[in-house]
Amino acid sequence: MNQEINKGRKTMQFLKNIYFTVITMLFGAYILIKGIFRGLDVHKALKLHEQGKLDDALKKYEKFFKIFKKFDKKDKHLSQPNDILGAYYFNAALIYKIKNNIYQANQYFANARKLGITENPDEWNAAKPLIIKGKG
């Protein structure tokens, strides 16, 4: 009788371990997929910016900023988070500059400078986004 109880306990512990492993793997996959789609969304913003669809690109940049604020600055999905985030602030600022929203543009240029972007916006073609190549 004791052997059957011990065997049952071991079986239950084994099933709990499998359940925990599966849940952990599913959560990890969810985080990975969410990171991939977040990255794709920003690449879409860069393409829209290059195509001259500035309103749509600006919406994508703003959405990225909202999502990025929820994560730690040392996001594991980005190879150079400060440079990349700074470039996106710079690009959004260029669009605001085109739209004559100088106050918002200056705020975003300041954020880009804090993150290490040193390009001069007055010498930059606003129709062309700043793209940071990842190390890799």
N, C-alpha and C. Protein backbone atom coordinates (compact mmCIF):
# COMPACT_ATOMS: atom_id res chain seq x y z
N MET A 1 0.82 -1.19 0.00
CA MET A 1 0.00 0.00 0.00
C MET A 1 0.87 1.26 0.00
N ASN A 2 1.92 1.28 0.81
CA ASN A 2 2.83 2.42 0.87
C ASN A 2 3.52 2.65 -0.47
N GLN A 3 3.89 1.56 -1.15
CA GLN A 3 4.56 1.69 -2.45
C GLN A 3 3.63 2.34 -3.47
N GLU A 4 2.36 1.99 -3.43
CA GLU A 4 1.40 2.57 -4.37
C GLU A 4 1.21 4.06 -4.10
N ILE A 5 1.18 4.44 -2.83
CA ILE A 5 1.04 5.86 -2.48
C ILE A 5 2.27 6.64 -2.94
N ASN A 6 3.47 6.09 -2.67
CA ASN A 6 4.70 6.76 -3.11
C ASN A 6 4.76 6.86 -4.63
N LYS A 7 4.33 5.80 -5.31
CA LYS A 7 4.33 5.81 -6.77
C LYS A 7 3.34 6.87 -7.28
N GLY A 8 2.20 6.97 -6.63
CA GLY A 8 1.21 7.99 -6.99
C GLY A 8 1.75 9.40 -6.77
N ARG A 9 2.46 9.60 -5.66
CA ARG A 9 3.04 10.92 -5.37
C ARG A 9 4.10 11.29 -6.40
N LYS A 10 4.93 10.31 -6.76
CA LYS A 10 5.97 10.57 -7.77
C LYS A 10 5.33 10.90 -9.11
N THR A 11 4.26 10.19 -9.44
CA THR A 11 3.56 10.46 -10.70
C THR A 11 2.98 11.87 -10.69
N MET A 12 2.37 12.25 -9.58
CA MET A 12 1.80 13.60 -9.47
C MET A 12 2.88 14.67 -9.57
N GLN A 13 4.02 14.44 -8.92
CA GLN A 13 5.13 15.40 -8.99
C GLN A 13 5.65 15.50 -10.41
N PHE A 14 5.76 14.36 -11.09
CA PHE A 14 6.20 14.33 -12.48
C PHE A 14 5.25 15.14 -13.37
N LEU A 15 3.95 14.94 -13.18
CA LEU A 15 2.96 15.67 -13.97
C LEU A 15 3.00 17.17 -13.68
N LYS A 16 3.21 17.54 -12.41
CA LYS A 16 3.34 18.95 -12.05
C LYS A 16 4.55 19.57 -12.75
N ASN A 17 5.67 18.83 -12.77
CA ASN A 17 6.88 19.33 -13.43
C ASN A 17 6.65 19.53 -14.93
N ILE A 18 5.97 18.58 -15.55
CA ILE A 18 5.68 18.71 -16.98
C ILE A 18 4.78 19.92 -17.23
N TYR A 19 3.75 20.06 -16.41
CA TYR A 19 2.83 21.19 -16.53
C TYR A 19 3.58 22.51 -16.39
N PHE A 20 4.43 22.61 -15.39
CA PHE A 20 5.21 23.83 -15.17
C PHE A 20 6.12 24.12 -16.37
N THR A 21 6.76 23.08 -16.91
CA THR A 21 7.66 23.24 -18.05
C THR A 21 6.89 23.73 -19.28
N VAL A 22 5.74 23.13 -19.53
CA VAL A 22 4.94 23.52 -20.70
C VAL A 22 4.46 24.96 -20.57
N ILE A 23 3.98 25.33 -19.40
CA ILE A 23 3.51 26.71 -19.18
C ILE A 23 4.66 27.69 -19.36
N THR A 24 5.84 27.37 -18.83
CA THR A 24 7.01 28.23 -18.97
C THR A 24 7.40 28.39 -20.43
N MET A 25 7.38 27.29 -21.18
CA MET A 25 7.74 27.35 -22.60
C MET A 25 6.73 28.19 -23.39
N LEU A 26 5.45 28.03 -23.09
CA LEU A 26 4.43 28.81 -23.79
C LEU A 26 4.59 30.31 -23.49
N PHE A 27 4.88 30.63 -22.24
CA PHE A 27 5.08 32.03 -21.88
C PHE A 27 6.31 32.59 -22.59
N GLY A 28 7.39 31.81 -22.65
CA GLY A 28 8.60 32.25 -23.36
C GLY A 28 8.33 32.47 -24.83
N ALA A 29 7.56 31.57 -25.44
CA ALA A 29 7.21 31.72 -26.86
C ALA A 29 6.38 32.98 -27.08
N TYR A 30 5.46 33.24 -26.16
CA TYR A 30 4.63 34.45 -26.25
C TYR A 30 5.50 35.71 -26.21
N ILE A 31 6.44 35.76 -25.27
CA ILE A 31 7.33 36.92 -25.15
C ILE A 31 8.16 37.08 -26.42
N LEU A 32 8.68 35.98 -26.95
CA LEU A 32 9.49 36.03 -28.17
C LEU A 32 8.68 36.54 -29.35
N ILE A 33 7.48 36.01 -29.52
CA ILE A 33 6.64 36.43 -30.64
C ILE A 33 6.24 37.89 -30.49
N LYS A 34 5.93 38.30 -29.28
CA LYS A 34 5.57 39.70 -29.04
C LYS A 34 6.74 40.61 -29.41
N GLY A 35 7.96 40.21 -29.06
CA GLY A 35 9.14 40.99 -29.40
C GLY A 35 9.37 41.06 -30.90
N ILE A 36 9.13 39.96 -31.59
CA ILE A 36 9.30 39.93 -33.04
C ILE A 36 8.31 40.87 -33.71
N PHE A 37 7.04 40.78 -33.30
CA PHE A 37 6.04 41.64 -33.91
C PHE A 37 6.28 43.11 -33.58
N ARG A 38 6.79 43.39 -32.40
CA ARG A 38 7.11 44.76 -32.05
C ARG A 38 8.21 45.28 -32.98
N GLY A 39 9.20 44.43 -33.24
CA GLY A 39 10.27 44.82 -34.16
C GLY A 39 9.77 45.03 -35.57
N LEU A 40 8.88 44.15 -36.03
CA LEU A 40 8.32 44.30 -37.36
C LEU A 40 7.53 45.59 -37.49
N ASP A 41 6.84 45.96 -36.44
CA ASP A 41 6.06 47.18 -36.45
C ASP A 41 6.95 48.40 -36.67
N VAL A 42 8.12 48.39 -36.06
CA VAL A 42 9.03 49.53 -36.23
C VAL A 42 9.65 49.52 -37.62
N HIS A 43 9.97 48.35 -38.15
CA HIS A 43 10.47 48.30 -39.52
C HIS A 43 9.42 48.85 -40.48
N LYS A 44 8.16 48.59 -40.18
CA LYS A 44 7.07 49.14 -40.98
C LYS A 44 7.09 50.67 -40.91
N ALA A 45 7.36 51.20 -39.73
CA ALA A 45 7.44 52.66 -39.58
C ALA A 45 8.55 53.24 -40.45
N LEU A 46 9.69 52.58 -40.47
CA LEU A 46 10.81 53.06 -41.29
C LEU A 46 10.44 53.04 -42.77
N LYS A 47 9.77 51.97 -43.21
CA LYS A 47 9.38 51.88 -44.62
C LYS A 47 8.35 52.95 -44.98
N LEU A 48 7.38 53.15 -44.08
CA LEU A 48 6.39 54.20 -44.33
C LEU A 48 7.05 55.57 -44.40
N HIS A 49 8.03 55.81 -43.55
CA HIS A 49 8.76 57.08 -43.54
C HIS A 49 9.48 57.27 -44.87
N GLU A 50 10.15 56.21 -45.35
CA GLU A 50 10.86 56.29 -46.62
C GLU A 50 9.90 56.53 -47.79
N GLN A 51 8.69 55.96 -47.70
CA GLN A 51 7.70 56.11 -48.78
C GLN A 51 6.99 57.46 -48.73
N GLY A 52 7.24 58.23 -47.70
CA GLY A 52 6.62 59.54 -47.59
C GLY A 52 5.26 59.52 -46.90
N LYS A 53 4.86 58.40 -46.35
CA LYS A 53 3.59 58.30 -45.61
C LYS A 53 3.86 58.66 -44.16
N LEU A 54 4.05 59.95 -43.94
CA LEU A 54 4.55 60.43 -42.66
C LEU A 54 3.55 60.28 -41.52
N ASP A 55 2.26 60.48 -41.79
CA ASP A 55 1.26 60.34 -40.73
C ASP A 55 1.22 58.91 -40.20
N ASP A 56 1.24 57.95 -41.13
CA ASP A 56 1.22 56.54 -40.73
C ASP A 56 2.51 56.16 -40.00
N ALA A 57 3.64 56.66 -40.49
CA ALA A 57 4.92 56.36 -39.85
C ALA A 57 4.95 56.93 -38.43
N LEU A 58 4.44 58.14 -38.28
CA LEU A 58 4.43 58.78 -36.96
C LEU A 58 3.59 57.97 -35.96
N LYS A 59 2.46 57.46 -36.42
CA LYS A 59 1.61 56.62 -35.56
C LYS A 59 2.37 55.38 -35.11
N LYS A 60 3.13 54.77 -36.02
CA LYS A 60 3.90 53.56 -35.68
C LYS A 60 5.01 53.90 -34.69
N TYR A 61 5.70 55.03 -34.90
CA TYR A 61 6.74 55.44 -33.96
C TYR A 61 6.15 55.67 -32.57
N GLU A 62 5.03 56.39 -32.51
CA GLU A 62 4.40 56.68 -31.22
C GLU A 62 3.98 55.39 -30.52
N LYS A 63 3.44 54.46 -31.27
CA LYS A 63 3.04 53.17 -30.69
C LYS A 63 4.27 52.45 -30.12
N PHE A 64 5.38 52.50 -30.86
CA PHE A 64 6.61 51.86 -30.39
C PHE A 64 7.08 52.50 -29.08
N PHE A 65 7.01 53.83 -28.99
CA PHE A 65 7.45 54.50 -27.76
C PHE A 65 6.61 54.07 -26.57
N LYS A 66 5.31 53.94 -26.77
CA LYS A 66 4.43 53.51 -25.68
C LYS A 66 4.78 52.10 -25.22
N ILE A 67 5.01 51.21 -26.19
CA ILE A 67 5.36 49.82 -25.85
C ILE A 67 6.72 49.76 -25.19
N PHE A 68 7.68 50.51 -25.72
CA PHE A 68 9.05 50.45 -25.22
C PHE A 68 9.14 50.94 -23.78
N LYS A 69 8.31 51.91 -23.41
CA LYS A 69 8.34 52.44 -22.05
C LYS A 69 7.97 51.37 -21.02
N LYS A 70 7.23 50.35 -21.46
CA LYS A 70 6.81 49.30 -20.54
C LYS A 70 7.96 48.33 -20.23
N PHE A 71 8.96 48.32 -21.08
CA PHE A 71 10.06 47.38 -20.91
C PHE A 71 11.29 48.08 -20.37
N ASP A 72 12.19 47.30 -19.83
CA ASP A 72 13.46 47.82 -19.35
C ASP A 72 14.25 48.37 -20.52
N LYS A 73 15.06 49.38 -20.28
CA LYS A 73 15.86 49.97 -21.36
C LYS A 73 16.85 48.99 -21.96
N LYS A 74 17.20 47.96 -21.21
CA LYS A 74 18.12 46.94 -21.73
C LYS A 74 17.31 45.76 -22.23
N ASP A 75 16.45 46.04 -23.22
CA ASP A 75 15.57 45.02 -23.78
C ASP A 75 16.42 43.96 -24.48
N LYS A 76 16.11 42.71 -24.24
CA LYS A 76 16.89 41.61 -24.80
C LYS A 76 16.66 41.43 -26.30
N HIS A 77 15.57 42.00 -26.85
CA HIS A 77 15.28 41.82 -28.26
C HIS A 77 16.03 42.80 -29.15
N LEU A 78 16.62 43.81 -28.56
CA LEU A 78 17.31 44.83 -29.34
C LEU A 78 18.80 44.77 -29.06
N SER A 79 19.61 44.81 -30.13
CA SER A 79 21.05 44.69 -29.94
C SER A 79 21.66 45.97 -29.36
N GLN A 80 21.13 47.11 -29.74
CA GLN A 80 21.64 48.40 -29.26
C GLN A 80 20.44 49.26 -28.87
N PRO A 81 19.81 48.99 -27.74
CA PRO A 81 18.55 49.66 -27.44
C PRO A 81 18.64 51.18 -27.40
N ASN A 82 19.71 51.74 -26.86
CA ASN A 82 19.79 53.20 -26.79
C ASN A 82 19.93 53.82 -28.16
N ASP A 83 20.79 53.25 -29.01
CA ASP A 83 20.97 53.79 -30.35
C ASP A 83 19.69 53.67 -31.17
N ILE A 84 19.06 52.51 -31.10
CA ILE A 84 17.85 52.28 -31.89
C ILE A 84 16.72 53.17 -31.41
N LEU A 85 16.51 53.23 -30.12
CA LEU A 85 15.45 54.09 -29.58
C LEU A 85 15.73 55.55 -29.91
N GLY A 86 16.98 55.96 -29.82
CA GLY A 86 17.35 57.32 -30.17
C GLY A 86 17.07 57.63 -31.63
N ALA A 87 17.35 56.66 -32.51
CA ALA A 87 17.09 56.86 -33.94
C ALA A 87 15.60 57.02 -34.19
N TYR A 88 14.78 56.26 -33.49
CA TYR A 88 13.33 56.38 -33.68
C TYR A 88 12.82 57.72 -33.16
N TYR A 89 13.38 58.18 -32.04
CA TYR A 89 13.01 59.52 -31.57
C TYR A 89 13.42 60.58 -32.60
N PHE A 90 14.61 60.41 -33.16
CA PHE A 90 15.10 61.34 -34.18
C PHE A 90 14.17 61.35 -35.39
N ASN A 91 13.77 60.16 -35.85
CA ASN A 91 12.89 60.06 -37.02
C ASN A 91 11.52 60.69 -36.75
N ALA A 92 10.96 60.41 -35.57
CA ALA A 92 9.67 61.00 -35.22
C ALA A 92 9.80 62.53 -35.14
N ALA A 93 10.92 63.00 -34.62
CA ALA A 93 11.14 64.45 -34.53
C ALA A 93 11.23 65.08 -35.91
N LEU A 94 11.84 64.37 -36.87
CA LEU A 94 11.90 64.89 -38.24
C LEU A 94 10.49 65.08 -38.81
N ILE A 95 9.63 64.11 -38.54
CA ILE A 95 8.26 64.21 -39.04
C ILE A 95 7.53 65.38 -38.38
N TYR A 96 7.71 65.52 -37.06
CA TYR A 96 7.08 66.65 -36.38
C TYR A 96 7.62 67.97 -36.91
N LYS A 97 8.90 68.00 -37.27
CA LYS A 97 9.49 69.22 -37.82
C LYS A 97 8.84 69.56 -39.17
N ILE A 98 8.61 68.55 -39.99
CA ILE A 98 7.94 68.77 -41.28
C ILE A 98 6.53 69.31 -41.06
N LYS A 99 5.87 68.80 -40.04
CA LYS A 99 4.49 69.21 -39.75
C LYS A 99 4.42 70.53 -38.97
N ASN A 100 5.55 71.16 -38.75
CA ASN A 100 5.65 72.44 -38.03
C ASN A 100 5.21 72.35 -36.57
N ASN A 101 5.32 71.19 -35.98
CA ASN A 101 5.09 71.03 -34.54
C ASN A 101 6.47 71.10 -33.88
N ILE A 102 7.00 72.30 -33.79
CA ILE A 102 8.38 72.51 -33.36
C ILE A 102 8.60 72.10 -31.91
N TYR A 103 7.61 72.35 -31.06
CA TYR A 103 7.76 71.99 -29.64
C TYR A 103 7.98 70.48 -29.48
N GLN A 104 7.12 69.68 -30.11
CA GLN A 104 7.25 68.22 -30.02
C GLN A 104 8.54 67.76 -30.69
N ALA A 105 8.88 68.37 -31.81
CA ALA A 105 10.12 68.01 -32.51
C ALA A 105 11.33 68.25 -31.61
N ASN A 106 11.37 69.40 -30.95
CA ASN A 106 12.50 69.70 -30.07
C ASN A 106 12.58 68.73 -28.89
N GLN A 107 11.43 68.33 -28.35
CA GLN A 107 11.44 67.34 -27.27
C GLN A 107 12.02 66.01 -27.74
N TYR A 108 11.60 65.57 -28.92
CA TYR A 108 12.09 64.30 -29.44
C TYR A 108 13.56 64.38 -29.85
N PHE A 109 13.99 65.53 -30.40
CA PHE A 109 15.42 65.69 -30.71
C PHE A 109 16.24 65.63 -29.42
N ALA A 110 15.73 66.23 -28.35
CA ALA A 110 16.43 66.18 -27.05
C ALA A 110 16.52 64.75 -26.54
N ASN A 111 15.43 63.99 -26.67
CA ASN A 111 15.46 62.57 -26.26
C ASN A 111 16.48 61.79 -27.08
N ALA A 112 16.54 62.07 -28.37
CA ALA A 112 17.49 61.38 -29.24
C ALA A 112 18.93 61.71 -28.83
N ARG A 113 19.19 62.97 -28.50
CA ARG A 113 20.54 63.36 -28.07
C ARG A 113 20.92 62.68 -26.76
N LYS A 114 19.96 62.56 -25.84
CA LYS A 114 20.23 61.87 -24.57
C LYS A 114 20.61 60.42 -24.80
N LEU A 115 20.10 59.84 -25.88
CA LEU A 115 20.36 58.43 -26.18
C LEU A 115 21.54 58.25 -27.13
N GLY A 116 22.28 59.33 -27.40
CA GLY A 116 23.53 59.20 -28.15
C GLY A 116 23.46 59.53 -29.63
N ILE A 117 22.36 60.06 -30.12
CA ILE A 117 22.26 60.42 -31.53
C ILE A 117 22.82 61.83 -31.70
N THR A 118 23.84 61.95 -32.55
CA THR A 118 24.54 63.23 -32.69
C THR A 118 24.29 63.92 -34.03
N GLU A 119 23.46 63.34 -34.90
CA GLU A 119 23.19 63.94 -36.21
C GLU A 119 22.54 65.31 -36.03
N ASN A 120 22.88 66.21 -36.93
CA ASN A 120 22.29 67.55 -36.92
C ASN A 120 21.00 67.51 -37.73
N PRO A 121 19.85 67.76 -37.12
CA PRO A 121 18.59 67.67 -37.86
C PRO A 121 18.46 68.70 -38.98
N ASP A 122 19.17 69.82 -38.87
CA ASP A 122 19.09 70.84 -39.92
C ASP A 122 19.80 70.39 -41.19
N GLU A 123 20.74 69.47 -41.07
CA GLU A 123 21.48 68.98 -42.23
C GLU A 123 20.94 67.64 -42.72
N TRP A 124 19.85 67.17 -42.15
CA TRP A 124 19.33 65.85 -42.47
C TRP A 124 18.13 65.99 -43.39
N ASN A 125 18.06 65.15 -44.43
CA ASN A 125 16.91 65.11 -45.32
C ASN A 125 15.75 64.46 -44.55
N ALA A 126 14.74 65.23 -44.24
CA ALA A 126 13.65 64.75 -43.38
C ALA A 126 12.85 63.62 -44.02
N ALA A 127 12.92 63.49 -45.34
CA ALA A 127 12.19 62.41 -46.01
C ALA A 127 12.90 61.06 -45.85
N LYS A 128 14.15 61.11 -45.40
CA LYS A 128 14.93 59.87 -45.25
C LYS A 128 15.13 59.60 -43.76
N PRO A 129 14.64 58.46 -43.25
CA PRO A 129 14.80 58.18 -41.82
C PRO A 129 16.23 57.77 -41.48
N LEU A 130 16.60 58.04 -40.25
CA LEU A 130 17.88 57.58 -39.72
C LEU A 130 17.73 56.12 -39.33
N ILE A 131 18.60 55.27 -39.85
CA ILE A 131 18.53 53.84 -39.56
C ILE A 131 19.83 53.42 -38.90
N ILE A 132 19.71 52.78 -37.74
CA ILE A 132 20.87 52.26 -37.02
C ILE A 132 20.99 50.78 -37.33
N LYS A 133 22.13 50.38 -37.82
CA LYS A 133 22.36 48.96 -38.10
C LYS A 133 22.76 48.27 -36.81
N GLY A 134 22.14 47.13 -36.53
CA GLY A 134 22.46 46.37 -35.33
C GLY A 134 23.76 45.62 -35.49
N LYS A 135 24.41 45.35 -34.36
CA LYS A 135 25.64 44.55 -34.37
C LYS A 135 25.22 43.10 -34.52
N GLY A 136 25.92 42.39 -35.36
CA GLY A 136 25.47 41.05 -35.39
C GLY A 136 26.02 40.16 -36.36
